[in-house]
Amino acid sequence: MDIIKRVTELREQRGWSKNHLAKKSGLSQSTVSNLYNRPHEPTISTLESLCNGFGISLSEFFNADGDATFLTEEQKHLLSEWSKLSETQKQSIFNLIKGV
């Protein structure tokens, strides 16, 4: 994903200038200018500030198609447990699910 393109898209949707984005996000004008003028990606902390300014989550920022994904507590718990499994265990679970 082109992060600067996404920031620009969100900014233009709101009719905001770069200066207004800086004010809304609590970032300095130079930080916002550097986003556009330097070839490196912004830090997570800068992205969080931008998202706060836009009134969106990081998840919404990276989900540009607007098709939000929400997980239930049960699904979050399942994913948490899944991350603890070995690759062999994960494959066994996949095979079990396919067989159901």
PDB file of N, CA and C in Angstrom:
ATOM      1  N   MET A   1       0.838  -1.179   0.000  1.00  0.00           N
ATOM      2  CA  MET A   1       0.000   0.000   0.000  1.00  0.00           C
ATOM      3  C   MET A   1       0.880   1.238   0.000  1.00  0.00           C
ATOM      4  N   ASP A   2       0.495   2.215  -0.798  1.00  0.00           N
ATOM      5  CA  ASP A   2       1.180   3.500  -0.819  1.00  0.00           C
ATOM      6  C   ASP A   2       0.581   4.369   0.288  1.00  0.00           C
ATOM      7  N   ILE A   3       1.316   4.494   1.382  1.00  0.00           N
ATOM      8  CA  ILE A   3       0.810   5.196   2.565  1.00  0.00           C
ATOM      9  C   ILE A   3       0.539   6.659   2.285  1.00  0.00           C
ATOM     10  N   ILE A   4       1.434   7.317   1.574  1.00  0.00           N
ATOM     11  CA  ILE A   4       1.242   8.742   1.287  1.00  0.00           C
ATOM     12  C   ILE A   4       0.015   8.947   0.394  1.00  0.00           C
ATOM     13  N   LYS A   5      -0.170   8.048  -0.547  1.00  0.00           N
ATOM     14  CA  LYS A   5      -1.360   8.130  -1.406  1.00  0.00           C
ATOM     15  C   LYS A   5      -2.628   8.010  -0.562  1.00  0.00           C
ATOM     16  N   ARG A   6      -2.619   7.090   0.405  1.00  0.00           N
ATOM     17  CA  ARG A   6      -3.784   6.901   1.279  1.00  0.00           C
ATOM     18  C   ARG A   6      -4.017   8.137   2.156  1.00  0.00           C
ATOM     19  N   VAL A   7      -2.952   8.698   2.702  1.00  0.00           N
ATOM     20  CA  VAL A   7      -3.080   9.921   3.513  1.00  0.00           C
ATOM     21  C   VAL A   7      -3.675  11.034   2.654  1.00  0.00           C
ATOM     22  N   THR A   8      -3.172  11.177   1.446  1.00  0.00           N
ATOM     23  CA  THR A   8      -3.668  12.206   0.532  1.00  0.00           C
ATOM     24  C   THR A   8      -5.142  11.983   0.214  1.00  0.00           C
ATOM     25  N   GLU A   9      -5.507  10.741  -0.045  1.00  0.00           N
ATOM     26  CA  GLU A   9      -6.899  10.404  -0.345  1.00  0.00           C
ATOM     27  C   GLU A   9      -7.819  10.801   0.815  1.00  0.00           C
ATOM     28  N   LEU A  10      -7.438  10.444   2.033  1.00  0.00           N
ATOM     29  CA  LEU A  10      -8.247  10.775   3.208  1.00  0.00           C
ATOM     30  C   LEU A  10      -8.308  12.282   3.441  1.00  0.00           C
ATOM     31  N   ARG A  11      -7.184  12.933   3.220  1.00  0.00           N
ATOM     32  CA  ARG A  11      -7.121  14.384   3.410  1.00  0.00           C
ATOM     33  C   ARG A  11      -8.006  15.093   2.397  1.00  0.00           C
ATOM     34  N   GLU A  12      -7.933  14.672   1.144  1.00  0.00           N
ATOM     35  CA  GLU A  12      -8.723  15.312   0.087  1.00  0.00           C
ATOM     36  C   GLU A  12     -10.218  15.019   0.227  1.00  0.00           C
ATOM     37  N   GLN A  13     -10.565  13.822   0.717  1.00  0.00           N
ATOM     38  CA  GLN A  13     -11.975  13.503   0.962  1.00  0.00           C
ATOM     39  C   GLN A  13     -12.596  14.490   1.942  1.00  0.00           C
ATOM     40  N   ARG A  14     -11.770  14.968   2.860  1.00  0.00           N
ATOM     41  CA  ARG A  14     -12.254  15.889   3.887  1.00  0.00           C
ATOM     42  C   ARG A  14     -12.071  17.358   3.496  1.00  0.00           C
ATOM     43  N   GLY A  15     -11.395  17.586   2.379  1.00  0.00           N
ATOM     44  CA  GLY A  15     -11.131  18.950   1.934  1.00  0.00           C
ATOM     45  C   GLY A  15     -10.104  19.658   2.807  1.00  0.00           C
ATOM     46  N   TRP A  16      -9.185  18.896   3.375  1.00  0.00           N
ATOM     47  CA  TRP A  16      -8.182  19.450   4.288  1.00  0.00           C
ATOM     48  C   TRP A  16      -6.886  19.781   3.562  1.00  0.00           C
ATOM     49  N   SER A  17      -6.256  20.829   4.007  1.00  0.00           N
ATOM     50  CA  SER A  17      -4.901  21.154   3.566  1.00  0.00           C
ATOM     51  C   SER A  17      -3.923  20.337   4.413  1.00  0.00           C
ATOM     52  N   LYS A  18      -2.677  20.333   4.031  1.00  0.00           N
ATOM     53  CA  LYS A  18      -1.655  19.664   4.836  1.00  0.00           C
ATOM     54  C   LYS A  18      -1.554  20.323   6.206  1.00  0.00           C
ATOM     55  N   ASN A  19      -1.695  21.634   6.225  1.00  0.00           N
ATOM     56  CA  ASN A  19      -1.634  22.378   7.484  1.00  0.00           C
ATOM     57  C   ASN A  19      -2.789  21.960   8.411  1.00  0.00           C
ATOM     58  N   HIS A  20      -3.981  21.823   7.848  1.00  0.00           N
ATOM     59  CA  HIS A  20      -5.133  21.419   8.649  1.00  0.00           C
ATOM     60  C   HIS A  20      -4.935  19.996   9.182  1.00  0.00           C
ATOM     61  N   LEU A  21      -4.378  19.110   8.366  1.00  0.00           N
ATOM     62  CA  LEU A  21      -4.087  17.752   8.804  1.00  0.00           C
ATOM     63  C   LEU A  21      -3.122  17.770   9.986  1.00  0.00           C
ATOM     64  N   ALA A  22      -2.108  18.609   9.908  1.00  0.00           N
ATOM     65  CA  ALA A  22      -1.143  18.721  11.006  1.00  0.00           C
ATOM     66  C   ALA A  22      -1.853  19.141  12.297  1.00  0.00           C
ATOM     67  N   LYS A  23      -2.720  20.135  12.204  1.00  0.00           N
ATOM     68  CA  LYS A  23      -3.448  20.601  13.392  1.00  0.00           C
ATOM     69  C   LYS A  23      -4.355  19.514  13.958  1.00  0.00           C
ATOM     70  N   LYS A  24      -5.109  18.840  13.093  1.00  0.00           N
ATOM     71  CA  LYS A  24      -6.048  17.823  13.547  1.00  0.00           C
ATOM     72  C   LYS A  24      -5.340  16.614  14.168  1.00  0.00           C
ATOM     73  N   SER A  25      -4.162  16.296  13.655  1.00  0.00           N
ATOM     74  CA  SER A  25      -3.450  15.105  14.122  1.00  0.00           C
ATOM     75  C   SER A  25      -2.467  15.400  15.248  1.00  0.00           C
ATOM     76  N   GLY A  26      -2.257  16.682  15.551  1.00  0.00           N
ATOM     77  CA  GLY A  26      -1.321  17.038  16.612  1.00  0.00           C
ATOM     78  C   GLY A  26       0.131  16.904  16.199  1.00  0.00           C
ATOM     79  N   LEU A  27       0.375  16.835  14.903  1.00  0.00           N
ATOM     80  CA  LEU A  27       1.739  16.748  14.379  1.00  0.00           C
ATOM     81  C   LEU A  27       2.200  18.131  13.947  1.00  0.00           C
ATOM     82  N   SER A  28       3.501  18.314  13.905  1.00  0.00           N
ATOM     83  CA  SER A  28       4.023  19.587  13.426  1.00  0.00           C
ATOM     84  C   SER A  28       3.840  19.681  11.910  1.00  0.00           C
ATOM     85  N   GLN A  29       3.811  20.894  11.415  1.00  0.00           N
ATOM     86  CA  GLN A  29       3.697  21.101   9.970  1.00  0.00           C
ATOM     87  C   GLN A  29       4.886  20.481   9.245  1.00  0.00           C
ATOM     88  N   SER A  30       6.054  20.549   9.877  1.00  0.00           N
ATOM     89  CA  SER A  30       7.243  19.982   9.228  1.00  0.00           C
ATOM     90  C   SER A  30       7.148  18.458   9.133  1.00  0.00           C
ATOM     91  N   THR A  31       6.546  17.809  10.136  1.00  0.00           N
ATOM     92  CA  THR A  31       6.373  16.354  10.081  1.00  0.00           C
ATOM     93  C   THR A  31       5.466  15.975   8.918  1.00  0.00           C
ATOM     94  N   VAL A  32       4.363  16.689   8.770  1.00  0.00           N
ATOM     95  CA  VAL A  32       3.441  16.393   7.668  1.00  0.00           C
ATOM     96  C   VAL A  32       4.115  16.694   6.335  1.00  0.00           C
ATOM     97  N   SER A  33       4.844  17.791   6.230  1.00  0.00           N
ATOM     98  CA  SER A  33       5.562  18.112   4.992  1.00  0.00           C
ATOM     99  C   SER A  33       6.579  17.029   4.656  1.00  0.00           C
ATOM    100  N   ASN A  34       7.273  16.533   5.682  1.00  0.00           N
ATOM    101  CA  ASN A  34       8.271  15.486   5.464  1.00  0.00           C
ATOM    102  C   ASN A  34       7.650  14.200   4.929  1.00  0.00           C
ATOM    103  N   LEU A  35       6.402  13.939   5.302  1.00  0.00           N
ATOM    104  CA  LEU A  35       5.715  12.758   4.766  1.00  0.00           C
ATOM    105  C   LEU A  35       5.679  12.802   3.245  1.00  0.00           C
ATOM    106  N   TYR A  36       5.449  13.988   2.729  1.00  0.00           N
ATOM    107  CA  TYR A  36       5.304  14.162   1.285  1.00  0.00           C
ATOM    108  C   TYR A  36       6.643  14.373   0.569  1.00  0.00           C
ATOM    109  N   ASN A  37       7.635  14.850   1.288  1.00  0.00           N
ATOM    110  CA  ASN A  37       8.887  15.239   0.635  1.00  0.00           C
ATOM    111  C   ASN A  37      10.030  14.250   0.813  1.00  0.00           C
ATOM    112  N   ARG A  38       9.884  13.291   1.716  1.00  0.00           N
ATOM    113  CA  ARG A  38      10.959  12.326   1.943  1.00  0.00           C
ATOM    114  C   ARG A  38      10.510  10.950   1.506  1.00  0.00           C
ATOM    115  N   PRO A  39      11.441  10.159   1.013  1.00  0.00           N
ATOM    116  CA  PRO A  39      11.079   8.858   0.444  1.00  0.00           C
ATOM    117  C   PRO A  39      10.811   7.743   1.464  1.00  0.00           C
ATOM    118  N   HIS A  40      10.926   8.001   2.774  1.00  0.00           N
ATOM    119  CA  HIS A  40      10.722   6.928   3.743  1.00  0.00           C
ATOM    120  C   HIS A  40       9.295   6.898   4.277  1.00  0.00           C
ATOM    121  N   GLU A  41       8.912   5.754   4.816  1.00  0.00           N
ATOM    122  CA  GLU A  41       7.570   5.567   5.362  1.00  0.00           C
ATOM    123  C   GLU A  41       7.493   6.203   6.756  1.00  0.00           C
ATOM    124  N   PRO A  42       6.313   6.684   7.142  1.00  0.00           N
ATOM    125  CA  PRO A  42       6.156   7.256   8.487  1.00  0.00           C
ATOM    126  C   PRO A  42       6.219   6.166   9.554  1.00  0.00           C
ATOM    127  N   THR A  43       6.539   6.576  10.766  1.00  0.00           N
ATOM    128  CA  THR A  43       6.572   5.632  11.886  1.00  0.00           C
ATOM    129  C   THR A  43       5.148   5.255  12.279  1.00  0.00           C
ATOM    130  N   ILE A  44       5.026   4.201  13.043  1.00  0.00           N
ATOM    131  CA  ILE A  44       3.714   3.782  13.543  1.00  0.00           C
ATOM    132  C   ILE A  44       3.105   4.888  14.397  1.00  0.00           C
ATOM    133  N   SER A  45       3.922   5.522  15.195  1.00  0.00           N
ATOM    134  CA  SER A  45       3.426   6.603  16.054  1.00  0.00           C
ATOM    135  C   SER A  45       2.873   7.761  15.221  1.00  0.00           C
ATOM    136  N   THR A  46       3.534   8.095  14.127  1.00  0.00           N
ATOM    137  CA  THR A  46       3.042   9.143  13.233  1.00  0.00           C
ATOM    138  C   THR A  46       1.741   8.697  12.574  1.00  0.00           C
ATOM    139  N   LEU A  47       1.691   7.442  12.135  1.00  0.00           N
ATOM    140  CA  LEU A  47       0.463   6.915  11.531  1.00  0.00           C
ATOM    141  C   LEU A  47      -0.699   6.945  12.520  1.00  0.00           C
ATOM    142  N   GLU A  48      -0.429   6.595  13.769  1.00  0.00           N
ATOM    143  CA  GLU A  48      -1.481   6.637  14.792  1.00  0.00           C
ATOM    144  C   GLU A  48      -1.993   8.058  14.972  1.00  0.00           C
ATOM    145  N   SER A  49      -1.090   9.023  14.986  1.00  0.00           N
ATOM    146  CA  SER A  49      -1.492  10.432  15.121  1.00  0.00           C
ATOM    147  C   SER A  49      -2.343  10.864  13.933  1.00  0.00           C
ATOM    148  N   LEU A  50      -1.925  10.468  12.736  1.00  0.00           N
ATOM    149  CA  LEU A  50      -2.701  10.801  11.541  1.00  0.00           C
ATOM    150  C   LEU A  50      -4.097  10.177  11.616  1.00  0.00           C
ATOM    151  N   CYS A  51      -4.148   8.909  12.002  1.00  0.00           N
ATOM    152  CA  CYS A  51      -5.442   8.232  12.106  1.00  0.00           C
ATOM    153  C   CYS A  51      -6.332   8.903  13.150  1.00  0.00           C
ATOM    154  N   ASN A  52      -5.748   9.295  14.270  1.00  0.00           N
ATOM    155  CA  ASN A  52      -6.521  10.016  15.284  1.00  0.00           C
ATOM    156  C   ASN A  52      -7.075  11.310  14.709  1.00  0.00           C
ATOM    157  N   GLY A  53      -6.269  12.001  13.936  1.00  0.00           N
ATOM    158  CA  GLY A  53      -6.718  13.232  13.295  1.00  0.00           C
ATOM    159  C   GLY A  53      -7.864  12.986  12.328  1.00  0.00           C
ATOM    160  N   PHE A  54      -7.781  11.897  11.587  1.00  0.00           N
ATOM    161  CA  PHE A  54      -8.841  11.545  10.632  1.00  0.00           C
ATOM    162  C   PHE A  54     -10.060  10.948  11.331  1.00  0.00           C
ATOM    163  N   GLY A  55      -9.879  10.534  12.588  1.00  0.00           N
ATOM    164  CA  GLY A  55     -10.977   9.910  13.316  1.00  0.00           C
ATOM    165  C   GLY A  55     -11.218   8.469  12.896  1.00  0.00           C
ATOM    166  N   ILE A  56     -10.130   7.777  12.515  1.00  0.00           N
ATOM    167  CA  ILE A  56     -10.227   6.381  12.106  1.00  0.00           C
ATOM    168  C   ILE A  56      -9.179   5.557  12.846  1.00  0.00           C
ATOM    169  N   SER A  57      -9.333   4.247  12.803  1.00  0.00           N
ATOM    170  CA  SER A  57      -8.345   3.350  13.404  1.00  0.00           C
ATOM    171  C   SER A  57      -7.267   3.019  12.372  1.00  0.00           C
ATOM    172  N   LEU A  58      -6.167   2.453  12.849  1.00  0.00           N
ATOM    173  CA  LEU A  58      -5.124   1.986  11.923  1.00  0.00           C
ATOM    174  C   LEU A  58      -5.693   0.922  10.987  1.00  0.00           C
ATOM    175  N   SER A  59      -6.555   0.089  11.517  1.00  0.00           N
ATOM    176  CA  SER A  59      -7.192  -0.946  10.699  1.00  0.00           C
ATOM    177  C   SER A  59      -7.982  -0.316   9.557  1.00  0.00           C
ATOM    178  N   GLU A  60      -8.744   0.716   9.861  1.00  0.00           N
ATOM    179  CA  GLU A  60      -9.518   1.400   8.822  1.00  0.00           C
ATOM    180  C   GLU A  60      -8.601   2.084   7.813  1.00  0.00           C
ATOM    181  N   PHE A  61      -7.477   2.609   8.285  1.00  0.00           N
ATOM    182  CA  PHE A  61      -6.518   3.258   7.391  1.00  0.00           C
ATOM    183  C   PHE A  61      -6.027   2.270   6.335  1.00  0.00           C
ATOM    184  N   PHE A  62      -5.654   1.067   6.785  1.00  0.00           N
ATOM    185  CA  PHE A  62      -5.098   0.084   5.871  1.00  0.00           C
ATOM    186  C   PHE A  62      -6.160  -0.689   5.101  1.00  0.00           C
ATOM    187  N   ASN A  63      -7.392  -0.525   5.487  1.00  0.00           N
ATOM    188  CA  ASN A  63      -8.497  -1.181   4.791  1.00  0.00           C
ATOM    189  C   ASN A  63      -9.155  -0.153   3.872  1.00  0.00           C
ATOM    190  N   ALA A  64      -8.443   0.198   2.830  1.00  0.00           N
ATOM    191  CA  ALA A  64      -8.866   1.287   1.940  1.00  0.00           C
ATOM    192  C   ALA A  64     -10.170   1.008   1.207  1.00  0.00           C
ATOM    193  N   ASP A  65     -10.534  -0.265   1.040  1.00  0.00           N
ATOM    194  CA  ASP A  65     -11.769  -0.548   0.304  1.00  0.00           C
ATOM    195  C   ASP A  65     -13.017  -0.317   1.140  1.00  0.00           C
ATOM    196  N   GLY A  66     -12.826   0.003   2.423  1.00  0.00           N
ATOM    197  CA  GLY A  66     -13.950   0.345   3.279  1.00  0.00           C
ATOM    198  C   GLY A  66     -14.757  -0.846   3.751  1.00  0.00           C
ATOM    199  N   ASP A  67     -14.309  -2.033   3.434  1.00  0.00           N
ATOM    200  CA  ASP A  67     -15.015  -3.241   3.841  1.00  0.00           C
ATOM    201  C   ASP A  67     -14.440  -3.695   5.176  1.00  0.00           C
ATOM    202  N   ALA A  68     -14.907  -3.085   6.247  1.00  0.00           N
ATOM    203  CA  ALA A  68     -14.359  -3.316   7.577  1.00  0.00           C
ATOM    204  C   ALA A  68     -14.548  -4.762   8.016  1.00  0.00           C
ATOM    205  N   THR A  69     -13.555  -5.251   8.738  1.00  0.00           N
ATOM    206  CA  THR A  69     -13.609  -6.587   9.274  1.00  0.00           C
ATOM    207  C   THR A  69     -13.640  -6.488  10.795  1.00  0.00           C
ATOM    208  N   PHE A  70     -14.673  -7.036  11.398  1.00  0.00           N
ATOM    209  CA  PHE A  70     -14.807  -7.014  12.839  1.00  0.00           C
ATOM    210  C   PHE A  70     -14.804  -8.445  13.344  1.00  0.00           C
ATOM    211  N   LEU A  71     -14.099  -8.675  14.430  1.00  0.00           N
ATOM    212  CA  LEU A  71     -14.025 -10.005  15.010  1.00  0.00           C
ATOM    213  C   LEU A  71     -14.793 -10.039  16.320  1.00  0.00           C
ATOM    214  N   THR A  72     -15.477 -11.140  16.546  1.00  0.00           N
ATOM    215  CA  THR A  72     -16.137 -11.343  17.829  1.00  0.00           C
ATOM    216  C   THR A  72     -15.064 -11.690  18.855  1.00  0.00           C
ATOM    217  N   GLU A  73     -15.427 -11.670  20.117  1.00  0.00           N
ATOM    218  CA  GLU A  73     -14.485 -12.063  21.163  1.00  0.00           C
ATOM    219  C   GLU A  73     -14.062 -13.517  20.986  1.00  0.00           C
ATOM    220  N   GLU A  74     -15.002 -14.353  20.574  1.00  0.00           N
ATOM    221  CA  GLU A  74     -14.705 -15.751  20.333  1.00  0.00           C
ATOM    222  C   GLU A  74     -13.665 -15.910  19.212  1.00  0.00           C
ATOM    223  N   GLN A  75     -13.825 -15.132  18.136  1.00  0.00           N
ATOM    224  CA  GLN A  75     -12.877 -15.196  17.025  1.00  0.00           C
ATOM    225  C   GLN A  75     -11.505 -14.673  17.444  1.00  0.00           C
ATOM    226  N   LYS A  76     -11.480 -13.615  18.232  1.00  0.00           N
ATOM    227  CA  LYS A  76     -10.197 -13.082  18.730  1.00  0.00           C
ATOM    228  C   LYS A  76      -9.478 -14.129  19.579  1.00  0.00           C
ATOM    229  N   HIS A  77     -10.254 -14.806  20.430  1.00  0.00           N
ATOM    230  CA  HIS A  77      -9.675 -15.846  21.281  1.00  0.00           C
ATOM    231  C   HIS A  77      -9.127 -16.992  20.427  1.00  0.00           C
ATOM    232  N   LEU A  78      -9.890 -17.395  19.422  1.00  0.00           N
ATOM    233  CA  LEU A  78      -9.460 -18.462  18.526  1.00  0.00           C
ATOM    234  C   LEU A  78      -8.150 -18.094  17.821  1.00  0.00           C
ATOM    235  N   LEU A  79      -8.054 -16.874  17.331  1.00  0.00           N
ATOM    236  CA  LEU A  79      -6.833 -16.431  16.653  1.00  0.00           C
ATOM    237  C   LEU A  79      -5.649 -16.362  17.618  1.00  0.00           C
ATOM    238  N   SER A  80      -5.929 -15.954  18.835  1.00  0.00           N
ATOM    239  CA  SER A  80      -4.879 -15.897  19.844  1.00  0.00           C
ATOM    240  C   SER A  80      -4.315 -17.293  20.108  1.00  0.00           C
ATOM    241  N   GLU A  81      -5.220 -18.270  20.249  1.00  0.00           N
ATOM    242  CA  GLU A  81      -4.786 -19.648  20.472  1.00  0.00           C
ATOM    243  C   GLU A  81      -4.096 -20.218  19.233  1.00  0.00           C
ATOM    244  N   TRP A  82      -4.597 -19.866  18.055  1.00  0.00           N
ATOM    245  CA  TRP A  82      -4.024 -20.326  16.786  1.00  0.00           C
ATOM    246  C   TRP A  82      -2.553 -19.932  16.677  1.00  0.00           C
ATOM    247  N   SER A  83      -2.246 -18.717  17.090  1.00  0.00           N
ATOM    248  CA  SER A  83      -0.863 -18.228  16.954  1.00  0.00           C
ATOM    249  C   SER A  83       0.115 -19.012  17.822  1.00  0.00           C
ATOM    250  N   LYS A  84      -0.392 -19.759  18.780  1.00  0.00           N
ATOM    251  CA  LYS A  84       0.470 -20.554  19.671  1.00  0.00           C
ATOM    252  C   LYS A  84       0.771 -21.953  19.109  1.00  0.00           C
ATOM    253  N   LEU A  85       0.063 -22.340  18.054  1.00  0.00           N
ATOM    254  CA  LEU A  85       0.213 -23.684  17.498  1.00  0.00           C
ATOM    255  C   LEU A  85       1.445 -23.806  16.603  1.00  0.00           C
ATOM    256  N   SER A  86       1.972 -25.011  16.541  1.00  0.00           N
ATOM    257  CA  SER A  86       3.066 -25.289  15.604  1.00  0.00           C
ATOM    258  C   SER A  86       2.472 -25.439  14.209  1.00  0.00           C
ATOM    259  N   GLU A  87       3.316 -25.447  13.195  1.00  0.00           N
ATOM    260  CA  GLU A  87       2.829 -25.616  11.825  1.00  0.00           C
ATOM    261  C   GLU A  87       2.147 -26.976  11.651  1.00  0.00           C
ATOM    262  N   THR A  88       2.674 -27.995  12.295  1.00  0.00           N
ATOM    263  CA  THR A  88       2.075 -29.329  12.222  1.00  0.00           C
ATOM    264  C   THR A  88       0.680 -29.320  12.840  1.00  0.00           C
ATOM    265  N   GLN A  89       0.542 -28.669  13.987  1.00  0.00           N
ATOM    266  CA  GLN A  89      -0.762 -28.575  14.652  1.00  0.00           C
ATOM    267  C   GLN A  89      -1.755 -27.788  13.789  1.00  0.00           C
ATOM    268  N   LYS A  90      -1.286 -26.711  13.185  1.00  0.00           N
ATOM    269  CA  LYS A  90      -2.161 -25.911  12.317  1.00  0.00           C
ATOM    270  C   LYS A  90      -2.654 -26.750  11.137  1.00  0.00           C
ATOM    271  N   GLN A  91      -1.757 -27.535  10.543  1.00  0.00           N
ATOM    272  CA  GLN A  91      -2.141 -28.376   9.414  1.00  0.00           C
ATOM    273  C   GLN A  91      -3.164 -29.414   9.850  1.00  0.00           C
ATOM    274  N   SER A  92      -2.990 -29.964  11.049  1.00  0.00           N
ATOM    275  CA  SER A  92      -3.956 -30.935  11.580  1.00  0.00           C
ATOM    276  C   SER A  92      -5.328 -30.294  11.742  1.00  0.00           C
ATOM    277  N   ILE A  93      -5.366 -29.073  12.223  1.00  0.00           N
ATOM    278  CA  ILE A  93      -6.636 -28.355  12.397  1.00  0.00           C
ATOM    279  C   ILE A  93      -7.285 -28.116  11.035  1.00  0.00           C
ATOM    280  N   PHE A  94      -6.497 -27.688  10.053  1.00  0.00           N
ATOM    281  CA  PHE A  94      -7.024 -27.493   8.691  1.00  0.00           C
ATOM    282  C   PHE A  94      -7.642 -28.791   8.161  1.00  0.00           C
ATOM    283  N   ASN A  95      -6.935 -29.886   8.353  1.00  0.00           N
ATOM    284  CA  ASN A  95      -7.440 -31.174   7.872  1.00  0.00           C
ATOM    285  C   ASN A  95      -8.726 -31.554   8.574  1.00  0.00           C
ATOM    286  N   LEU A  96      -8.804 -31.290   9.867  1.00  0.00           N
ATOM    287  CA  LEU A  96     -10.019 -31.568  10.619  1.00  0.00           C
ATOM    288  C   LEU A  96     -11.185 -30.736  10.094  1.00  0.00           C
ATOM    289  N   ILE A  97     -10.948 -29.461   9.859  1.00  0.00           N
ATOM    290  CA  ILE A  97     -12.008 -28.564   9.355  1.00  0.00           C
ATOM    291  C   ILE A  97     -12.477 -29.018   7.980  1.00  0.00           C
ATOM    292  N   LYS A  98     -11.551 -29.393   7.113  1.00  0.00           N
ATOM    293  CA  LYS A  98     -11.916 -29.857   5.765  1.00  0.00           C
ATOM    294  C   LYS A  98     -12.769 -31.108   5.817  1.00  0.00           C
ATOM    295  N   GLY A  99     -12.514 -31.948   6.831  1.00  0.00           N
ATOM    296  CA  GLY A  99     -13.239 -33.202   6.966  1.00  0.00           C
ATOM    297  C   GLY A  99     -14.622 -33.054   7.575  1.00  0.00           C
ATOM    298  N   VAL A 100     -14.930 -31.908   8.129  1.00  0.00           N
ATOM    299  CA  VAL A 100     -16.231 -31.710   8.774  1.00  0.00           C
ATOM    300  C   VAL A 100     -17.304 -31.426   7.751  1.00  0.00           C
TER     301      VAL A 100
END
